């Protein structure tokens, strides 16, 4: 491991060699994201047991499976914005604490509506974890390996997809009752989340956030030197302060187009991905009605291990070489092709082996494509003042797509059949391919270069601007006292 020192800590971060501190950051963020994935997807298995125990209707099943995703939509929006206003670190451990409460409450729920309530709490925390996990890792990363590092965080989703079915098989195979099995499945999500709360409180704040938003260059340099064991250091000189309000961000044509690309493609991807993944047990029931619950869980696990996991691994290994945008285009194209084949070829939805092969290929290119890149790219494309906000909006809109996909899947299947439902999914994938084309390629570029510095204000100019605003505020307040219900001059300036 080489030592990287520079007067400009931001440049030092961009050019730092891949080292142990990067992997430490991946581990802490990844543990949280593993929990996110486990909690999001385990309900697909647990609900097959709950529906028999509580005699749920189709509407109740849809609501149970999709509630957490609807809450994740809100959590991503709220905590993404908070992470830009109060700092990444505070939100980082707060969302993990919410996840602990949600998982334990879900496991102990005495009725459907209490379970739905705690699934909502859990989803709110999970949604908030998306932007902070991605953005904090992106801001720690160097420019050369940023996609790989953020991708490694996202890749822990693969473990969540595998561990859930394994736990289900172990519980049911060991003779646990359906009631005990689903409660243990949901409650185990609290264990890694509790560990994450402790670990995240030990992590330093993002040095880019400290320098470019808070203006705390010395503190950032000291914390980064300690976190990296002296490998990366600098006094922060040369780091430009950033200033952009939410209104300016949401009315800027460039950022609106970027949001349409990152949020729109994530929406389309999650509609297809979550609708199919959480509904996989139901899909397998349609393909093989006589299969037992254990057999369907085993088939779902096989799809994840054989098709999804290699996709995650290959995406992490090649993301920065191929390009993030190009990989997303390729993945959407292959997803569309696979779903079209399933829908167009007669008899494919009734033949288990051929169906699983094509379905598995679609899973591979989902992971080796937009499921990975829709998480990575929003953490790179936005300026530091709006990075978590932009990612949070993108993730939230994505989870809205997931909510719609999961909620509508049973109804669509009843109306159009499995072939018609997957044909619609193919069309959604084509739309994702088209929308990806509005996005730039961020691979190998520094974060400041990607954002273009549109919200950059040199520190002296920023200080002068704020000093003038304060003076104008004092003068205005002395001449015209603020009446109840009016805004002060300083409030108007901040807005």
Protein backbone atom coordinates (compact mmCIF):
# COMPACT_ATOMS: atom_id res chain seq x y z
CA UNK A 1 0.00 0.00 0.00
CA UNK A 2 1.43 3.33 -1.02
CA UNK A 3 1.15 6.62 0.82
CA UNK A 4 -0.70 9.41 -0.95
CA UNK A 5 -0.15 12.97 0.30
CA UNK A 6 -1.26 16.21 -1.20
CA UNK A 7 -2.10 19.71 -0.09
CA UNK A 8 -5.44 19.04 -1.76
CA UNK A 9 -7.13 16.19 0.09
CA UNK A 10 -9.78 15.86 -2.64
CA UNK A 11 -7.09 15.21 -5.25
CA UNK A 12 -5.42 12.76 -2.88
CA UNK A 13 -8.66 10.81 -2.57
CA UNK A 14 -9.12 10.73 -6.34
CA UNK A 15 -5.63 9.38 -6.98
CA UNK A 16 -5.23 7.09 -3.94
CA UNK A 17 -4.29 3.48 -4.59
CA UNK A 18 -6.85 0.82 -3.77
CA UNK A 19 -6.11 0.03 -0.13
CA UNK A 20 -7.34 -1.49 3.09
CA UNK A 21 -9.32 1.57 4.13
CA UNK A 22 -11.38 1.30 0.93
CA UNK A 23 -12.25 -2.30 1.78
CA UNK A 24 -13.10 -1.30 5.35
CA UNK A 25 -15.57 1.27 4.03
CA UNK A 26 -17.01 -1.36 1.66
CA UNK A 27 -17.49 -3.76 4.58
CA UNK A 28 -19.39 -1.26 6.74
CA UNK A 29 -21.59 -0.03 3.89
CA UNK A 30 -21.98 -3.55 2.53
CA UNK A 31 -23.20 -5.00 5.81
CA UNK A 32 -26.01 -2.49 5.80
CA UNK A 33 -26.87 -3.16 2.20
CA UNK A 34 -26.84 -6.92 2.82
CA UNK A 35 -29.47 -6.26 5.47
CA UNK A 36 -31.44 -4.11 3.02
CA UNK A 37 -31.50 -6.91 0.46
CA UNK A 38 -32.29 -9.63 2.98
CA UNK A 39 -35.20 -7.67 4.45
CA UNK A 40 -36.59 -6.66 1.05
CA UNK A 41 -36.56 -10.12 -0.52
CA UNK A 42 -37.24 -12.46 2.41
CA UNK A 43 -40.88 -11.38 2.44
CA UNK A 44 -41.40 -13.22 -0.87
CA UNK A 45 -40.68 -16.50 0.93
CA UNK A 46 -42.20 -15.57 4.29
CA UNK A 47 -45.47 -14.48 2.69
CA UNK A 48 -46.00 -17.95 1.20
CA UNK A 49 -46.18 -19.21 4.80
CA UNK A 50 -48.12 -16.24 6.18
CA UNK A 51 -50.80 -16.45 3.48
CA UNK A 52 -51.68 -20.00 4.58
CA UNK A 53 -51.61 -19.20 8.30
CA UNK A 54 -53.70 -16.01 8.13
CA UNK A 55 -55.76 -16.91 5.01
CA UNK A 56 -54.78 -13.73 3.17
CA UNK A 57 -56.64 -12.57 0.10
CA UNK A 58 -54.81 -11.63 -3.11
CA UNK A 59 -55.11 -7.95 -2.21
CA UNK A 60 -53.76 -8.49 1.30
CA UNK A 61 -50.84 -10.54 -0.06
CA UNK A 62 -50.01 -7.80 -2.56
CA UNK A 63 -50.10 -5.16 0.18
CA UNK A 64 -47.88 -7.21 2.49
CA UNK A 65 -45.30 -7.86 -0.22
CA UNK A 66 -45.21 -4.26 -1.41
CA UNK A 67 -45.57 -2.16 1.78
CA UNK A 68 -41.87 -2.11 2.52
CA UNK A 69 -41.11 -0.90 -0.99
CA UNK A 70 -43.59 1.95 -0.69
CA UNK A 71 -41.97 2.98 2.58
CA UNK A 72 -38.52 2.72 0.99
CA UNK A 73 -39.66 5.29 -1.57
CA UNK A 74 -40.33 7.79 1.23
CA UNK A 75 -37.22 6.85 3.21
CA UNK A 76 -34.90 7.38 0.26
CA UNK A 77 -36.35 10.84 -0.44
CA UNK A 78 -36.29 11.98 3.20
CA UNK A 79 -32.93 10.61 4.30
CA UNK A 80 -31.25 11.38 1.00
CA UNK A 81 -32.06 15.05 1.55
CA UNK A 82 -31.06 14.89 5.24
CA UNK A 83 -27.68 13.42 4.28
CA UNK A 84 -26.94 16.56 2.26
CA UNK A 85 -28.20 18.89 4.99
CA UNK A 86 -26.85 17.36 8.23
CA UNK A 87 -24.10 15.07 6.96
CA UNK A 88 -23.70 11.53 5.71
CA UNK A 89 -22.50 10.00 8.98
CA UNK A 90 -25.50 10.98 11.12
CA UNK A 91 -27.97 9.52 8.67
CA UNK A 92 -25.67 6.52 8.14
CA UNK A 93 -26.24 5.01 11.59
CA UNK A 94 -29.75 6.41 12.17
CA UNK A 95 -31.23 4.40 9.29
CA UNK A 96 -29.58 1.22 10.61
CA UNK A 97 -31.22 1.79 14.02
CA UNK A 98 -34.61 2.16 12.34
CA UNK A 99 -34.00 -1.13 10.53
CA UNK A 100 -33.39 -2.93 13.85
CA UNK A 101 -36.74 -1.72 15.22
CA UNK A 102 -38.58 -2.63 12.02
CA UNK A 103 -37.16 -6.15 11.81
CA UNK A 104 -37.85 -7.02 15.46
CA UNK A 105 -41.35 -5.57 15.30
CA UNK A 106 -42.11 -7.57 12.16
CA UNK A 107 -41.05 -10.82 13.81
CA UNK A 108 -43.26 -10.22 16.86
CA UNK A 109 -46.34 -8.98 14.99
CA UNK A 110 -49.60 -10.53 16.27
CA UNK A 111 -51.69 -9.62 13.22
CA UNK A 112 -51.45 -8.67 9.57
CA UNK A 113 -51.90 -4.93 10.11
CA UNK A 114 -49.25 -4.77 12.84
CA UNK A 115 -46.91 -6.67 10.54
CA UNK A 116 -47.62 -4.22 7.72
CA UNK A 117 -46.92 -1.31 10.10
CA UNK A 118 -43.49 -2.65 11.08
CA UNK A 119 -42.68 -3.57 7.48
CA UNK A 120 -43.35 0.09 6.71
CA UNK A 121 -40.94 1.18 9.46
CA UNK A 122 -38.35 -1.26 8.16
CA UNK A 123 -38.78 -0.04 4.60
CA UNK A 124 -38.40 3.58 5.70
CA UNK A 125 -34.98 2.75 7.14
CA UNK A 126 -33.94 0.61 4.18
CA UNK A 127 -34.90 3.38 1.76
CA UNK A 128 -32.73 5.82 3.69
CA UNK A 129 -29.80 3.44 3.59
CA UNK A 130 -29.67 3.40 -0.21
CA UNK A 131 -28.39 6.97 -0.78
CA UNK A 132 -26.03 7.15 2.21
CA UNK A 133 -24.41 3.75 1.56
CA UNK A 134 -23.78 4.58 -2.09
CA UNK A 135 -22.76 8.23 -1.68
CA UNK A 136 -20.44 7.75 1.28
CA UNK A 137 -18.63 4.93 -0.52
CA UNK A 138 -18.45 6.98 -3.71
CA UNK A 139 -16.94 9.92 -1.82
CA UNK A 140 -14.32 7.72 -0.15
CA UNK A 141 -13.38 6.07 -3.44
CA UNK A 142 -10.68 6.94 -5.94
CA UNK A 143 -11.76 7.79 -9.47
CA UNK A 144 -10.18 4.70 -11.06
CA UNK A 145 -11.92 2.12 -8.86
CA UNK A 146 -15.06 4.02 -7.81
CA UNK A 147 -17.47 1.87 -9.81
CA UNK A 148 -15.88 -1.31 -8.46
CA UNK A 149 -16.03 -0.10 -4.84
CA UNK A 150 -19.63 1.13 -4.97
CA UNK A 151 -20.47 -2.03 -6.92
CA UNK A 152 -18.96 -4.17 -4.14
CA UNK A 153 -21.32 -2.50 -1.68
CA UNK A 154 -24.24 -3.26 -3.94
CA UNK A 155 -22.93 -6.78 -4.56
CA UNK A 156 -23.71 -7.72 -0.96
CA UNK A 157 -27.31 -7.84 -2.22
CA UNK A 158 -26.34 -11.21 -3.70
CA UNK A 159 -25.63 -12.53 -0.20
CA UNK A 160 -29.03 -11.29 0.93
CA UNK A 161 -30.68 -13.12 -1.95
CA UNK A 162 -28.90 -16.36 -1.04
CA UNK A 163 -29.01 -16.26 2.75
CA UNK A 164 -32.79 -15.78 2.88
CA UNK A 165 -33.70 -19.01 1.01
CA UNK A 166 -30.95 -20.92 2.90
CA UNK A 167 -32.42 -19.89 6.25
CA UNK A 168 -35.91 -20.81 5.03
CA UNK A 169 -34.74 -24.25 3.90
CA UNK A 170 -32.91 -24.82 7.19
CA UNK A 171 -35.93 -23.85 9.29
CA UNK A 172 -38.51 -25.79 7.30
CA UNK A 173 -36.18 -28.75 6.79
CA UNK A 174 -35.51 -28.80 10.52
CA UNK A 175 -39.18 -29.18 11.29
CA UNK A 176 -40.02 -25.62 12.37
CA UNK A 177 -43.68 -24.70 12.10
CA UNK A 178 -44.74 -22.16 9.50
CA UNK A 179 -45.44 -19.60 12.25
CA UNK A 180 -42.00 -19.98 13.83
CA UNK A 181 -40.23 -20.10 10.47
CA UNK A 182 -41.52 -16.81 9.05
CA UNK A 183 -41.03 -14.98 12.35
CA UNK A 184 -37.42 -16.12 12.63
CA UNK A 185 -36.80 -15.21 8.98
CA UNK A 186 -38.04 -11.66 9.50
CA UNK A 187 -36.43 -11.20 12.92
CA UNK A 188 -32.93 -12.23 11.81
CA UNK A 189 -32.73 -9.03 9.77
CA UNK A 190 -32.17 -7.15 13.05
CA UNK A 191 -28.86 -8.92 13.77
CA UNK A 192 -26.63 -7.43 11.03
CA UNK A 193 -28.46 -4.10 11.32
CA UNK A 194 -27.53 -3.88 15.02
CA UNK A 195 -23.86 -4.55 14.20
CA UNK A 196 -24.02 -1.87 11.51
CA UNK A 197 -25.25 0.75 14.02
CA UNK A 198 -22.08 0.25 16.08
CA UNK A 199 -19.67 0.15 13.14
CA UNK A 200 -21.12 3.18 11.39
CA UNK A 201 -20.78 5.35 14.48
CA UNK A 202 -17.03 4.68 14.27
CA UNK A 203 -16.76 5.82 10.66
CA UNK A 204 -15.55 9.38 9.89
CA UNK A 205 -17.66 11.84 7.95
CA UNK A 206 -17.13 12.03 4.19
CA UNK A 207 -14.01 14.20 3.67
CA UNK A 208 -15.51 15.67 0.51
CA UNK A 209 -18.60 16.72 2.44
CA UNK A 210 -16.51 18.23 5.25
CA UNK A 211 -14.29 20.24 2.90
CA UNK A 212 -16.67 21.22 0.12
CA UNK A 213 -19.83 21.87 2.14
CA UNK A 214 -18.88 22.36 5.80
CA UNK A 215 -15.52 24.02 5.15
CA UNK A 216 -13.82 21.84 7.80
CA UNK A 217 -10.62 21.04 5.92
CA UNK A 218 -8.39 20.51 8.96
CA UNK A 219 -10.86 18.17 10.64
CA UNK A 220 -11.36 16.23 7.41
CA UNK A 221 -7.60 15.83 6.96
CA UNK A 222 -7.10 14.64 10.54
CA UNK A 223 -9.97 12.13 10.41
CA UNK A 224 -8.94 10.81 7.01
CA UNK A 225 -5.34 10.39 8.09
CA UNK A 226 -6.51 8.39 11.10
CA UNK A 227 -8.99 6.31 9.10
CA UNK A 228 -6.40 5.42 6.43
CA UNK A 229 -3.50 4.91 8.83
CA UNK A 230 -1.70 7.91 7.34
CA UNK A 231 -1.94 6.67 3.76
CA UNK A 232 -4.08 9.55 2.50
CA UNK A 233 -3.60 13.06 3.84
CA UNK A 234 -3.70 16.72 2.99
CA UNK A 235 -4.81 20.02 4.48
CA UNK A 236 -7.71 20.49 2.11
CA UNK A 237 -6.32 23.58 0.44
CA UNK A 238 -7.57 23.90 -3.12
CA UNK A 239 -10.90 22.31 -2.25
CA UNK A 240 -13.70 24.52 -3.55
CA UNK A 241 -16.81 25.15 -1.49
CA UNK A 242 -20.12 24.17 -3.08
CA UNK A 243 -23.42 26.01 -2.80
CA UNK A 244 -26.70 24.93 -4.38
CA UNK A 245 -30.23 24.95 -2.98
CA UNK A 246 -32.94 22.40 -3.64
CA UNK A 247 -34.97 24.85 -5.71
CA UNK A 248 -31.98 25.65 -7.96
CA UNK A 249 -31.29 21.94 -8.35
CA UNK A 250 -34.86 21.04 -9.31
CA UNK A 251 -35.18 23.91 -11.79
CA UNK A 252 -31.84 23.35 -13.53
CA UNK A 253 -32.35 21.77 -16.96
CA UNK A 254 -29.16 19.72 -16.80
CA UNK A 255 -29.98 18.14 -13.44
CA UNK A 256 -33.59 17.52 -14.41
CA UNK A 257 -32.44 15.55 -17.45
CA UNK A 258 -29.97 13.64 -15.29
CA UNK A 259 -32.71 12.89 -12.76
CA UNK A 260 -34.96 11.66 -15.57
CA UNK A 261 -32.16 9.29 -16.56
CA UNK A 262 -31.14 7.97 -13.14
CA UNK A 263 -34.59 7.92 -11.54
CA UNK A 264 -36.42 6.82 -14.68
CA UNK A 265 -34.15 3.87 -15.45
CA UNK A 266 -34.18 2.80 -11.79
CA UNK A 267 -38.00 2.93 -11.79
CA UNK A 268 -38.20 0.75 -14.89
CA UNK A 269 -35.55 -1.68 -13.65
CA UNK A 270 -37.16 -2.12 -10.23
CA UNK A 271 -40.62 -2.57 -11.74
CA UNK A 272 -39.28 -5.55 -13.65
CA UNK A 273 -36.79 -6.84 -11.08
CA UNK A 274 -38.75 -6.72 -7.83
CA UNK A 275 -42.01 -7.71 -9.45
CA UNK A 276 -40.37 -10.89 -10.70
CA UNK A 277 -38.01 -11.59 -7.79
CA UNK A 278 -40.48 -11.24 -4.91
CA UNK A 279 -43.09 -13.04 -6.99
CA UNK A 280 -40.72 -15.87 -8.00
CA UNK A 281 -42.46 -18.42 -5.70
CA UNK A 282 -45.77 -17.51 -7.36
CA UNK A 283 -44.16 -17.72 -10.83
CA UNK A 284 -42.79 -21.17 -10.04
CA UNK A 285 -46.24 -22.22 -8.82
CA UNK A 286 -47.62 -21.31 -12.24
CA UNK A 287 -44.88 -23.26 -14.03
CA UNK A 288 -45.03 -26.29 -11.73
CA UNK A 289 -48.26 -26.27 -9.65
CA UNK A 290 -47.49 -29.59 -7.94
CA UNK A 291 -44.10 -28.52 -6.55
CA UNK A 292 -43.83 -28.30 -2.75
CA UNK A 293 -42.90 -25.11 -0.90
CA UNK A 294 -39.42 -26.56 -0.20
CA UNK A 295 -38.93 -27.35 -3.90
CA UNK A 296 -39.94 -23.84 -4.98
CA UNK A 297 -37.57 -22.26 -2.44
CA UNK A 298 -34.76 -24.54 -3.66
CA UNK A 299 -35.44 -23.58 -7.29
CA UNK A 300 -35.42 -19.88 -6.38
CA UNK A 301 -32.10 -20.36 -4.58
CA UNK A 302 -30.68 -22.19 -7.60
CA UNK A 303 -31.63 -19.31 -9.90
CA UNK A 304 -29.88 -16.83 -7.63
CA UNK A 305 -26.71 -18.92 -7.22
CA UNK A 306 -26.32 -20.05 -10.83
CA UNK A 307 -27.48 -16.91 -12.64
CA UNK A 308 -27.54 -13.88 -10.37
CA UNK A 309 -24.31 -14.30 -8.37
CA UNK A 310 -22.03 -14.62 -11.44
CA UNK A 311 -23.69 -11.49 -12.80
CA UNK A 312 -22.85 -9.53 -9.65
CA UNK A 313 -19.25 -10.77 -9.64
CA UNK A 314 -18.62 -10.08 -13.31
CA UNK A 315 -20.18 -6.61 -13.04
CA UNK A 316 -17.92 -5.66 -10.12
CA UNK A 317 -14.85 -6.95 -11.97
CA UNK A 318 -15.54 -5.19 -15.26
CA UNK A 319 -17.68 -2.15 -14.40
CA UNK A 320 -14.88 0.41 -14.63
CA UNK A 321 -13.38 -1.24 -17.72
CA UNK A 322 -16.57 -1.57 -19.78
CA UNK A 323 -18.13 1.68 -18.58
CA UNK A 324 -21.13 2.16 -16.32
CA UNK A 325 -23.44 3.53 -19.00
CA UNK A 326 -22.48 0.89 -21.57
CA UNK A 327 -23.06 -1.93 -19.11
CA UNK A 328 -26.52 -0.57 -18.32
CA UNK A 329 -27.41 -0.41 -22.02
CA UNK A 330 -26.27 -4.01 -22.55
CA UNK A 331 -28.17 -5.31 -19.54
CA UNK A 332 -31.47 -3.71 -20.47
CA UNK A 333 -31.18 -5.03 -24.04
CA UNK A 334 -30.62 -8.62 -22.89
CA UNK A 335 -33.42 -8.42 -20.31
CA UNK A 336 -35.84 -7.29 -23.02
CA UNK A 337 -34.75 -10.14 -25.28
CA UNK A 338 -35.15 -12.83 -22.59
CA UNK A 339 -38.61 -11.67 -21.49
CA UNK A 340 -39.68 -11.43 -25.12
CA UNK A 341 -38.55 -15.02 -25.75
CA UNK A 342 -40.51 -16.30 -22.74
CA UNK A 343 -43.63 -14.45 -23.87
CA UNK A 344 -43.34 -15.27 -27.58
CA UNK A 345 -42.33 -18.96 -27.60
CA UNK A 346 -45.39 -21.21 -27.16
CA UNK A 347 -45.15 -23.69 -24.30
CA UNK A 348 -42.12 -22.09 -22.67
CA UNK A 349 -44.12 -21.06 -19.61
CA UNK A 350 -45.20 -24.66 -18.97
CA UNK A 351 -41.82 -26.37 -19.45
CA UNK A 352 -39.82 -26.01 -16.23
CA UNK A 353 -36.25 -26.54 -17.51
CA UNK A 354 -36.40 -24.30 -20.64
CA UNK A 355 -38.22 -21.60 -18.65
CA UNK A 356 -35.61 -21.63 -15.88
CA UNK A 357 -32.77 -21.36 -18.42
CA UNK A 358 -34.16 -18.25 -20.14
CA UNK A 359 -35.37 -16.78 -16.83
CA UNK A 360 -31.89 -17.39 -15.39
CA UNK A 361 -30.19 -15.63 -18.32
CA UNK A 362 -32.45 -12.62 -17.73
CA UNK A 363 -31.34 -12.63 -14.10
CA UNK A 364 -27.67 -12.73 -15.10
CA UNK A 365 -27.99 -9.67 -17.32
CA UNK A 366 -30.06 -7.86 -14.73
CA UNK A 367 -27.15 -8.11 -12.29
CA UNK A 368 -24.52 -7.72 -15.01
CA UNK A 369 -26.26 -4.55 -16.02
CA UNK A 370 -28.90 -2.14 -14.69
CA UNK A 371 -29.47 -3.62 -11.24
CA UNK A 372 -25.84 -2.76 -10.47
CA UNK A 373 -25.46 0.43 -12.49
CA UNK A 374 -28.70 2.14 -11.42
CA UNK A 375 -27.30 2.05 -7.87
CA UNK A 376 -23.78 3.18 -8.82
CA UNK A 377 -24.40 6.00 -11.29
CA UNK A 378 -26.55 8.34 -9.12
CA UNK A 379 -23.73 8.38 -6.55
CA UNK A 380 -21.40 9.83 -9.21
CA UNK A 381 -23.36 12.17 -11.47
CA UNK A 382 -24.55 14.85 -9.04
CA UNK A 383 -22.65 17.70 -7.31
CA UNK A 384 -21.63 17.17 -3.69
CA UNK A 385 -24.37 19.43 -2.29
CA UNK A 386 -27.04 17.39 -4.06
CA UNK A 387 -25.38 14.00 -4.36
CA UNK A 388 -27.37 12.23 -1.67
CA UNK A 389 -30.51 14.13 -2.66
CA UNK A 390 -30.12 13.07 -6.30
CA UNK A 391 -29.40 9.49 -5.31
CA UNK A 392 -32.27 9.52 -2.83
CA UNK A 393 -34.74 10.77 -5.46
CA UNK A 394 -33.47 8.13 -7.90
CA UNK A 395 -33.62 5.32 -5.34
CA UNK A 396 -37.03 6.47 -4.10
CA UNK A 397 -38.51 6.59 -7.59
CA UNK A 398 -36.92 3.19 -8.20
CA UNK A 399 -38.63 1.74 -5.12
CA UNK A 400 -41.89 3.28 -6.31
CA UNK A 401 -41.44 1.22 -9.47
CA UNK A 402 -40.73 -1.84 -7.33
CA UNK A 403 -43.87 -1.18 -5.26
CA UNK A 404 -45.98 -0.93 -8.42
CA UNK A 405 -44.40 -4.07 -9.91
CA UNK A 406 -44.93 -6.20 -6.79
CA UNK A 407 -48.43 -4.86 -6.13
CA UNK A 408 -49.60 -5.28 -9.73
CA UNK A 409 -47.97 -8.64 -10.52
CA UNK A 410 -50.77 -10.85 -9.11
CA UNK A 411 -53.46 -8.73 -10.82
CA UNK A 412 -51.59 -8.60 -14.15
CA UNK A 413 -50.99 -12.34 -14.06
CA UNK A 414 -54.68 -12.98 -13.44
CA UNK A 415 -55.70 -10.68 -16.32
CA UNK A 416 -53.01 -11.33 -18.94
CA UNK A 417 -51.39 -14.59 -17.83
CA UNK A 418 -47.69 -15.10 -17.20
CA UNK A 419 -46.76 -14.63 -20.87
CA UNK A 420 -48.62 -11.33 -21.14
CA UNK A 421 -47.11 -10.07 -17.88
CA UNK A 422 -43.56 -10.86 -19.00
CA UNK A 423 -44.22 -9.31 -22.42
CA UNK A 424 -45.04 -6.07 -20.59
CA UNK A 425 -41.78 -6.48 -18.66
CA UNK A 426 -39.90 -6.76 -21.96
CA UNK A 427 -41.41 -3.44 -23.06
CA UNK A 428 -40.36 -1.84 -19.77
CA UNK A 429 -36.78 -3.05 -20.39
CA UNK A 430 -36.78 -1.42 -23.85
CA UNK A 431 -37.84 1.87 -22.27
CA UNK A 432 -34.97 1.55 -19.79
CA UNK A 433 -32.56 1.05 -22.67
CA UNK A 434 -33.80 4.21 -24.39
CA UNK A 435 -33.71 6.36 -21.24
CA UNK A 436 -30.16 5.31 -20.37
CA UNK A 437 -28.95 7.17 -23.44
CA UNK A 438 -29.51 10.58 -21.81
CA UNK A 439 -26.86 9.83 -19.15
CA UNK A 440 -23.12 10.63 -19.44
CA UNK A 441 -20.36 8.06 -18.87
CA UNK A 442 -18.83 8.61 -15.39
CA UNK A 443 -16.29 5.77 -15.34
CA UNK A 444 -12.71 6.87 -14.63
CA UNK A 445 -13.58 10.54 -14.06
CA UNK A 446 -13.32 12.52 -10.82
CA UNK A 447 -16.56 13.42 -9.07
CA UNK A 448 -15.94 17.15 -9.50
CA UNK A 449 -15.22 16.69 -13.21
CA UNK A 450 -18.46 14.74 -13.68
CA UNK A 451 -20.63 17.34 -11.94
CA UNK A 452 -18.99 20.13 -13.93
CA UNK A 453 -18.69 22.46 -10.97
CA UNK A 454 -21.99 24.23 -11.68
CA UNK A 455 -22.57 24.75 -7.97
CA UNK A 456 -18.96 25.57 -7.11
CA UNK A 457 -18.23 28.84 -5.33
CA UNK A 458 -14.61 29.68 -4.39
CA UNK A 459 -14.36 29.91 -0.60
CA UNK A 460 -13.46 33.64 -0.41
CA UNK A 461 -16.36 34.58 -2.69
CA UNK A 462 -18.71 32.41 -0.65
CA UNK A 463 -17.64 34.07 2.59
CA UNK A 464 -18.08 37.53 1.08
CA UNK A 465 -21.51 36.57 -0.24
CA UNK A 466 -22.67 35.37 3.17
CA UNK A 467 -21.18 38.39 4.95
CA UNK A 468 -23.12 40.72 2.66
CA UNK A 469 -26.29 38.71 3.23
CA UNK A 470 -25.91 38.99 7.01
CA UNK A 471 -25.27 42.74 6.83
CA UNK A 472 -28.28 43.25 4.57
CA UNK A 473 -30.37 41.14 6.93
CA UNK A 474 -29.38 43.17 9.99
CA UNK A 475 -29.95 46.46 8.23
CA UNK A 476 -33.29 45.34 6.87
CA UNK A 477 -34.47 44.02 10.22
CA UNK A 478 -33.53 47.27 11.96
CA UNK A 479 -35.37 49.42 9.41
CA UNK A 480 -38.29 47.05 8.90
CA UNK A 481 -38.91 44.73 11.86
CA UNK A 482 -40.18 41.32 10.78
CA UNK A 483 -43.89 40.90 11.39
CA UNK A 484 -45.45 37.56 12.31
CA UNK A 485 -45.78 35.38 9.21
CA UNK A 486 -43.15 37.31 7.22
CA UNK A 487 -39.71 36.03 6.17
CA UNK A 488 -36.57 37.86 7.18
CA UNK A 489 -34.09 39.03 4.56
CA UNK A 490 -31.64 36.32 5.61
CA UNK A 491 -34.31 33.67 5.15
CA UNK A 492 -34.99 34.98 1.66
CA UNK A 493 -31.28 34.91 0.85
CA UNK A 494 -30.91 31.33 2.07
CA UNK A 495 -33.91 30.29 0.01
